[in-house]
PDB file of N, CA and C in Angstrom:
ATOM      1  N   UNK A   1     -29.691  -1.262 -28.291  1.00  0.00           N
ATOM      2  CA  UNK A   1     -29.418  -0.774 -27.354  1.00  0.00           C
ATOM      3  C   UNK A   1     -27.882  -1.217 -26.575  1.00  0.00           C
ATOM      4  N   UNK A   2     -28.117  -2.199 -26.661  1.00  0.00           N
ATOM      5  CA  UNK A   2     -26.494  -2.750 -26.317  1.00  0.00           C
ATOM      6  C   UNK A   2     -25.301  -1.976 -26.599  1.00  0.00           C
ATOM      7  N   UNK A   3     -25.069  -2.270 -27.923  1.00  0.00           N
ATOM      8  CA  UNK A   3     -24.169  -1.537 -28.715  1.00  0.00           C
ATOM      9  C   UNK A   3     -24.007  -0.358 -28.661  1.00  0.00           C
ATOM     10  N   UNK A   4     -24.971   0.618 -28.244  1.00  0.00           N
ATOM     11  CA  UNK A   4     -24.912   1.923 -27.837  1.00  0.00           C
ATOM     12  C   UNK A   4     -24.099   2.323 -26.690  1.00  0.00           C
ATOM     13  N   UNK A   5     -24.195   1.445 -25.673  1.00  0.00           N
ATOM     14  CA  UNK A   5     -23.525   1.132 -24.331  1.00  0.00           C
ATOM     15  C   UNK A   5     -22.627   0.765 -24.348  1.00  0.00           C
ATOM     16  N   UNK A   6     -21.836  -0.207 -25.391  1.00  0.00           N
ATOM     17  CA  UNK A   6     -20.688  -0.616 -25.541  1.00  0.00           C
ATOM     18  C   UNK A   6     -19.566   0.837 -26.055  1.00  0.00           C
ATOM     19  N   UNK A   7     -20.317   1.305 -26.750  1.00  0.00           N
ATOM     20  CA  UNK A   7     -19.867   2.378 -27.628  1.00  0.00           C
ATOM     21  C   UNK A   7     -19.320   3.484 -26.861  1.00  0.00           C
ATOM     22  N   UNK A   8     -20.520   3.965 -26.376  1.00  0.00           N
ATOM     23  CA  UNK A   8     -19.947   5.124 -25.023  1.00  0.00           C
ATOM     24  C   UNK A   8     -18.837   4.608 -24.148  1.00  0.00           C
ATOM     25  N   UNK A   9     -19.146   3.507 -23.691  1.00  0.00           N
ATOM     26  CA  UNK A   9     -18.301   2.911 -22.278  1.00  0.00           C
ATOM     27  C   UNK A   9     -16.587   3.090 -23.341  1.00  0.00           C
ATOM     28  N   UNK A  10     -16.302   2.396 -24.272  1.00  0.00           N
ATOM     29  CA  UNK A  10     -15.684   2.422 -24.914  1.00  0.00           C
ATOM     30  C   UNK A  10     -14.833   3.612 -25.158  1.00  0.00           C
ATOM     31  N   UNK A  11     -15.807   4.489 -25.752  1.00  0.00           N
ATOM     32  CA  UNK A  11     -15.196   6.037 -25.958  1.00  0.00           C
ATOM     33  C   UNK A  11     -14.848   6.298 -24.891  1.00  0.00           C
ATOM     34  N   UNK A  12     -15.582   6.658 -23.848  1.00  0.00           N
ATOM     35  CA  UNK A  12     -15.223   6.914 -22.913  1.00  0.00           C
ATOM     36  C   UNK A  12     -13.997   6.455 -22.046  1.00  0.00           C
ATOM     37  N   UNK A  13     -13.603   5.540 -21.958  1.00  0.00           N
ATOM     38  CA  UNK A  13     -12.043   4.622 -21.743  1.00  0.00           C
ATOM     39  C   UNK A  13     -11.132   4.907 -22.291  1.00  0.00           C
ATOM     40  N   UNK A  14     -11.938   5.413 -23.996  1.00  0.00           N
ATOM     41  CA  UNK A  14     -10.349   5.743 -24.429  1.00  0.00           C
ATOM     42  C   UNK A  14      -9.855   7.120 -24.167  1.00  0.00           C
ATOM     43  N   UNK A  15     -11.129   8.264 -24.199  1.00  0.00           N
ATOM     44  CA  UNK A  15     -11.011   9.299 -23.657  1.00  0.00           C
ATOM     45  C   UNK A  15      -9.944   9.275 -21.865  1.00  0.00           C
ATOM     46  N   UNK A  16     -10.380   8.642 -21.504  1.00  0.00           N
ATOM     47  CA  UNK A  16     -10.123   8.647 -19.956  1.00  0.00           C
ATOM     48  C   UNK A  16      -8.307   8.278 -19.811  1.00  0.00           C
ATOM     49  N   UNK A  17      -8.289   6.946 -21.054  1.00  0.00           N
ATOM     50  CA  UNK A  17      -6.488   6.589 -21.062  1.00  0.00           C
ATOM     51  C   UNK A  17      -5.863   7.800 -22.054  1.00  0.00           C
ATOM     52  N   UNK A  18      -6.545   7.891 -22.958  1.00  0.00           N
ATOM     53  CA  UNK A  18      -5.770   9.055 -23.310  1.00  0.00           C
ATOM     54  C   UNK A  18      -5.216  10.168 -22.806  1.00  0.00           C
ATOM     55  N   UNK A  19      -5.837  10.725 -21.498  1.00  0.00           N
ATOM     56  CA  UNK A  19      -6.323  11.998 -20.762  1.00  0.00           C
ATOM     57  C   UNK A  19      -4.611  11.409 -19.720  1.00  0.00           C
ATOM     58  N   UNK A  20      -4.857  10.097 -19.403  1.00  0.00           N
ATOM     59  CA  UNK A  20      -4.313   9.614 -18.290  1.00  0.00           C
ATOM     60  C   UNK A  20      -2.588   9.838 -18.749  1.00  0.00           C
ATOM     61  N   UNK A  21      -2.465   9.653 -20.125  1.00  0.00           N
ATOM     62  CA  UNK A  21      -1.215   9.013 -20.875  1.00  0.00           C
ATOM     63  C   UNK A  21      -0.696  10.415 -21.668  1.00  0.00           C
ATOM     64  N   UNK A  22      -1.520  11.570 -21.685  1.00  0.00           N
ATOM     65  CA  UNK A  22      -0.664  12.876 -22.050  1.00  0.00           C
ATOM     66  C   UNK A  22      -0.174  13.757 -20.615  1.00  0.00           C
ATOM     67  N   UNK A  23      -0.940  13.210 -19.687  1.00  0.00           N
ATOM     68  CA  UNK A  23      -0.389  14.132 -18.194  1.00  0.00           C
ATOM     69  C   UNK A  23       1.044  13.630 -17.812  1.00  0.00           C
ATOM     70  N   UNK A  24       1.257  14.990 -16.749  1.00  0.00           N
ATOM     71  CA  UNK A  24       2.460  14.500 -16.848  1.00  0.00           C
ATOM     72  C   UNK A  24       2.875  14.815 -15.541  1.00  0.00           C
ATOM     73  N   UNK A  25       3.718  14.327 -14.700  1.00  0.00           N
ATOM     74  CA  UNK A  25       4.439  14.745 -13.452  1.00  0.00           C
ATOM     75  C   UNK A  25       4.541  15.664 -12.886  1.00  0.00           C
ATOM     76  N   UNK A  26       3.996  15.790 -11.610  1.00  0.00           N
ATOM     77  CA  UNK A  26       4.211  17.211 -10.867  1.00  0.00           C
ATOM     78  C   UNK A  26       5.870  17.223 -10.378  1.00  0.00           C
ATOM     79  N   UNK A  27       6.853  17.857 -11.044  1.00  0.00           N
ATOM     80  CA  UNK A  27       8.263  17.935 -11.056  1.00  0.00           C
ATOM     81  C   UNK A  27       8.575  18.811  -9.906  1.00  0.00           C
ATOM     82  N   UNK A  28       8.256  19.894 -10.013  1.00  0.00           N
ATOM     83  CA  UNK A  28       8.632  20.562  -8.586  1.00  0.00           C
ATOM     84  C   UNK A  28       8.201  21.008  -7.538  1.00  0.00           C
ATOM     85  N   UNK A  29       7.576  19.666  -7.232  1.00  0.00           N
ATOM     86  CA  UNK A  29       6.746  19.867  -6.016  1.00  0.00           C
ATOM     87  C   UNK A  29       7.980  19.281  -4.926  1.00  0.00           C
ATOM     88  N   UNK A  30       7.866  20.153  -3.967  1.00  0.00           N
ATOM     89  CA  UNK A  30       8.634  20.059  -2.753  1.00  0.00           C
ATOM     90  C   UNK A  30       8.870  18.655  -1.877  1.00  0.00           C
ATOM     91  N   UNK A  31       9.603  18.110  -1.369  1.00  0.00           N
ATOM     92  CA  UNK A  31       9.713  17.085  -0.677  1.00  0.00           C
ATOM     93  C   UNK A  31       8.687  17.175   0.972  1.00  0.00           C
ATOM     94  N   UNK A  32       8.194  16.093   1.136  1.00  0.00           N
ATOM     95  CA  UNK A  32       7.273  16.499   2.806  1.00  0.00           C
ATOM     96  C   UNK A  32       8.693  16.695   3.856  1.00  0.00           C
ATOM     97  N   UNK A  33       8.523  17.426   4.507  1.00  0.00           N
ATOM     98  CA  UNK A  33       9.834  18.096   5.376  1.00  0.00           C
ATOM     99  C   UNK A  33       9.685  17.020   6.513  1.00  0.00           C
ATOM    100  N   UNK A  34       8.318  16.588   7.113  1.00  0.00           N
ATOM    101  CA  UNK A  34       8.024  15.038   7.907  1.00  0.00           C
ATOM    102  C   UNK A  34       7.846  14.087   7.706  1.00  0.00           C
ATOM    103  N   UNK A  35       8.782  13.057   8.374  1.00  0.00           N
ATOM    104  CA  UNK A  35       8.816  12.063   7.735  1.00  0.00           C
ATOM    105  C   UNK A  35       7.349  10.901   8.303  1.00  0.00           C
ATOM    106  N   UNK A  36       6.694  10.209   7.355  1.00  0.00           N
ATOM    107  CA  UNK A  36       5.621   9.205   8.036  1.00  0.00           C
ATOM    108  C   UNK A  36       6.101   8.657   9.207  1.00  0.00           C
ATOM    109  N   UNK A  37       5.296   8.124  10.079  1.00  0.00           N
ATOM    110  CA  UNK A  37       5.580   7.468  11.263  1.00  0.00           C
ATOM    111  C   UNK A  37       6.601   5.895  10.656  1.00  0.00           C
ATOM    112  N   UNK A  38       6.387   5.916   9.488  1.00  0.00           N
ATOM    113  CA  UNK A  38       6.491   4.271   8.854  1.00  0.00           C
ATOM    114  C   UNK A  38       8.184   4.415   8.891  1.00  0.00           C
ATOM    115  N   UNK A  39       8.419   5.891   8.248  1.00  0.00           N
ATOM    116  CA  UNK A  39       9.457   6.055   8.153  1.00  0.00           C
ATOM    117  C   UNK A  39      10.675   6.468   9.309  1.00  0.00           C
ATOM    118  N   UNK A  40      10.053   6.892  10.595  1.00  0.00           N
ATOM    119  CA  UNK A  40      10.832   7.486  11.305  1.00  0.00           C
ATOM    120  C   UNK A  40      10.916   6.338  12.314  1.00  0.00           C
ATOM    121  N   UNK A  41      10.438   5.446  12.528  1.00  0.00           N
ATOM    122  CA  UNK A  41      10.598   4.510  13.070  1.00  0.00           C
ATOM    123  C   UNK A  41      10.682   3.011  12.153  1.00  0.00           C
ATOM    124  N   UNK A  42      11.728   2.152  12.567  1.00  0.00           N
ATOM    125  CA  UNK A  42      12.094   0.739  11.968  1.00  0.00           C
ATOM    126  C   UNK A  42      11.072  -0.122  12.754  1.00  0.00           C
ATOM    127  N   UNK A  43      10.585  -1.045  12.165  1.00  0.00           N
ATOM    128  CA  UNK A  43       9.892  -2.139  12.819  1.00  0.00           C
ATOM    129  C   UNK A  43      11.019  -2.927  13.935  1.00  0.00           C
ATOM    130  N   UNK A  44      10.583  -3.485  14.581  1.00  0.00           N
ATOM    131  CA  UNK A  44      11.122  -4.043  15.451  1.00  0.00           C
ATOM    132  C   UNK A  44      10.497  -5.352  15.655  1.00  0.00           C
ATOM    133  N   UNK A  45      11.466  -6.533  15.309  1.00  0.00           N
ATOM    134  CA  UNK A  45      10.647  -7.953  15.603  1.00  0.00           C
ATOM    135  C   UNK A  45      11.634  -8.878  16.823  1.00  0.00           C
ATOM    136  N   UNK A  46      11.039  -9.150  17.849  1.00  0.00           N
ATOM    137  CA  UNK A  46      11.450  -9.662  19.000  1.00  0.00           C
ATOM    138  C   UNK A  46      11.506 -11.458  18.840  1.00  0.00           C
ATOM    139  N   UNK A  47      12.618 -11.858  18.631  1.00  0.00           N
ATOM    140  CA  UNK A  47      12.144 -12.898  18.550  1.00  0.00           C
ATOM    141  C   UNK A  47      12.901 -14.280  19.814  1.00  0.00           C
ATOM    142  N   UNK A  48      12.693 -15.216  19.690  1.00  0.00           N
ATOM    143  CA  UNK A  48      12.837 -15.607  21.217  1.00  0.00           C
ATOM    144  C   UNK A  48      14.364 -15.826  21.162  1.00  0.00           C
ATOM    145  N   UNK A  49      14.671 -16.097  22.439  1.00  0.00           N
ATOM    146  CA  UNK A  49      16.278 -16.494  22.633  1.00  0.00           C
ATOM    147  C   UNK A  49      17.004 -17.923  22.052  1.00  0.00           C
ATOM    148  N   UNK A  50      17.809 -18.321  21.830  1.00  0.00           N
ATOM    149  CA  UNK A  50      18.217 -19.958  21.385  1.00  0.00           C
ATOM    150  C   UNK A  50      17.667 -20.930  22.874  1.00  0.00           C
ATOM    151  N   UNK A  51      17.986 -20.352  23.600  1.00  0.00           N
ATOM    152  CA  UNK A  51      17.607 -21.004  25.183  1.00  0.00           C
ATOM    153  C   UNK A  51      15.992 -21.066  25.639  1.00  0.00           C
ATOM    154  N   UNK A  52      14.964 -20.293  25.081  1.00  0.00           N
ATOM    155  CA  UNK A  52      14.243 -20.310  25.239  1.00  0.00           C
ATOM    156  C   UNK A  52      13.475 -21.585  24.102  1.00  0.00           C
ATOM    157  N   UNK A  53      12.570 -22.356  24.691  1.00  0.00           N
ATOM    158  CA  UNK A  53      11.664 -23.692  24.395  1.00  0.00           C
ATOM    159  C   UNK A  53      10.526 -22.771  23.007  1.00  0.00           C
ATOM    160  N   UNK A  54      10.371 -23.364  21.996  1.00  0.00           N
ATOM    161  CA  UNK A  54       9.945 -23.128  20.583  1.00  0.00           C
ATOM    162  C   UNK A  54       8.411 -22.952  20.865  1.00  0.00           C
ATOM    163  N   UNK A  55       7.384 -22.077  20.485  1.00  0.00           N
ATOM    164  CA  UNK A  55       6.152 -22.258  20.606  1.00  0.00           C
ATOM    165  C   UNK A  55       5.185 -22.798  20.018  1.00  0.00           C
ATOM    166  N   UNK A  56       3.952 -23.387  19.738  1.00  0.00           N
ATOM    167  CA  UNK A  56       3.888 -23.956  18.408  1.00  0.00           C
ATOM    168  C   UNK A  56       2.785 -22.266  18.356  1.00  0.00           C
ATOM    169  N   UNK A  57       2.236 -22.346  16.923  1.00  0.00           N
ATOM    170  CA  UNK A  57       1.444 -20.795  17.054  1.00  0.00           C
ATOM    171  C   UNK A  57       0.049 -20.622  17.655  1.00  0.00           C
ATOM    172  N   UNK A  58      -0.356 -21.914  18.283  1.00  0.00           N
ATOM    173  CA  UNK A  58      -1.370 -22.084  19.206  1.00  0.00           C
ATOM    174  C   UNK A  58      -1.549 -21.259  19.975  1.00  0.00           C
ATOM    175  N   UNK A  59      -0.200 -21.176  21.197  1.00  0.00           N
ATOM    176  CA  UNK A  59      -0.181 -21.105  22.493  1.00  0.00           C
ATOM    177  C   UNK A  59       0.410 -19.254  22.226  1.00  0.00           C
ATOM    178  N   UNK A  60      -0.489 -18.772  23.116  1.00  0.00           N
ATOM    179  CA  UNK A  60      -0.339 -17.679  23.186  1.00  0.00           C
ATOM    180  C   UNK A  60       0.426 -17.180  24.389  1.00  0.00           C
ATOM    181  N   UNK A  61       1.487 -16.063  24.137  1.00  0.00           N
ATOM    182  CA  UNK A  61       2.292 -15.549  25.356  1.00  0.00           C
ATOM    183  C   UNK A  61       1.388 -15.241  26.778  1.00  0.00           C
ATOM    184  N   UNK A  62       1.728 -15.242  27.899  1.00  0.00           N
ATOM    185  CA  UNK A  62       1.372 -15.359  28.886  1.00  0.00           C
ATOM    186  C   UNK A  62       1.533 -13.645  29.881  1.00  0.00           C
ATOM    187  N   UNK A  63       0.965 -13.114  30.051  1.00  0.00           N
ATOM    188  CA  UNK A  63       1.060 -11.752  30.409  1.00  0.00           C
ATOM    189  C   UNK A  63       1.289 -11.622  31.658  1.00  0.00           C
ATOM    190  N   UNK A  64       2.206 -10.902  31.613  1.00  0.00           N
ATOM    191  CA  UNK A  64       2.886 -10.814  33.204  1.00  0.00           C
ATOM    192  C   UNK A  64       2.275 -10.003  34.061  1.00  0.00           C
ATOM    193  N   UNK A  65       1.561 -10.278  35.387  1.00  0.00           N
ATOM    194  CA  UNK A  65       1.143  -9.905  36.052  1.00  0.00           C
ATOM    195  C   UNK A  65       1.529  -8.677  36.965  1.00  0.00           C
TER     196      UNK A  65
END
């Protein structure tokens, strides 16, 4: 019984891999007109000023009230 399941699984994987290998990427697809949010705005990292003391990772930033 195990051999039949193994053979069936192997055959299914072979067919799936062959189908993926034969597939062609879509070349005529238009580029999206709207940029995603990650592309539209760069990620900004706020670094401490050179004159500020360095904080350890355990210390939390005190929120202003």
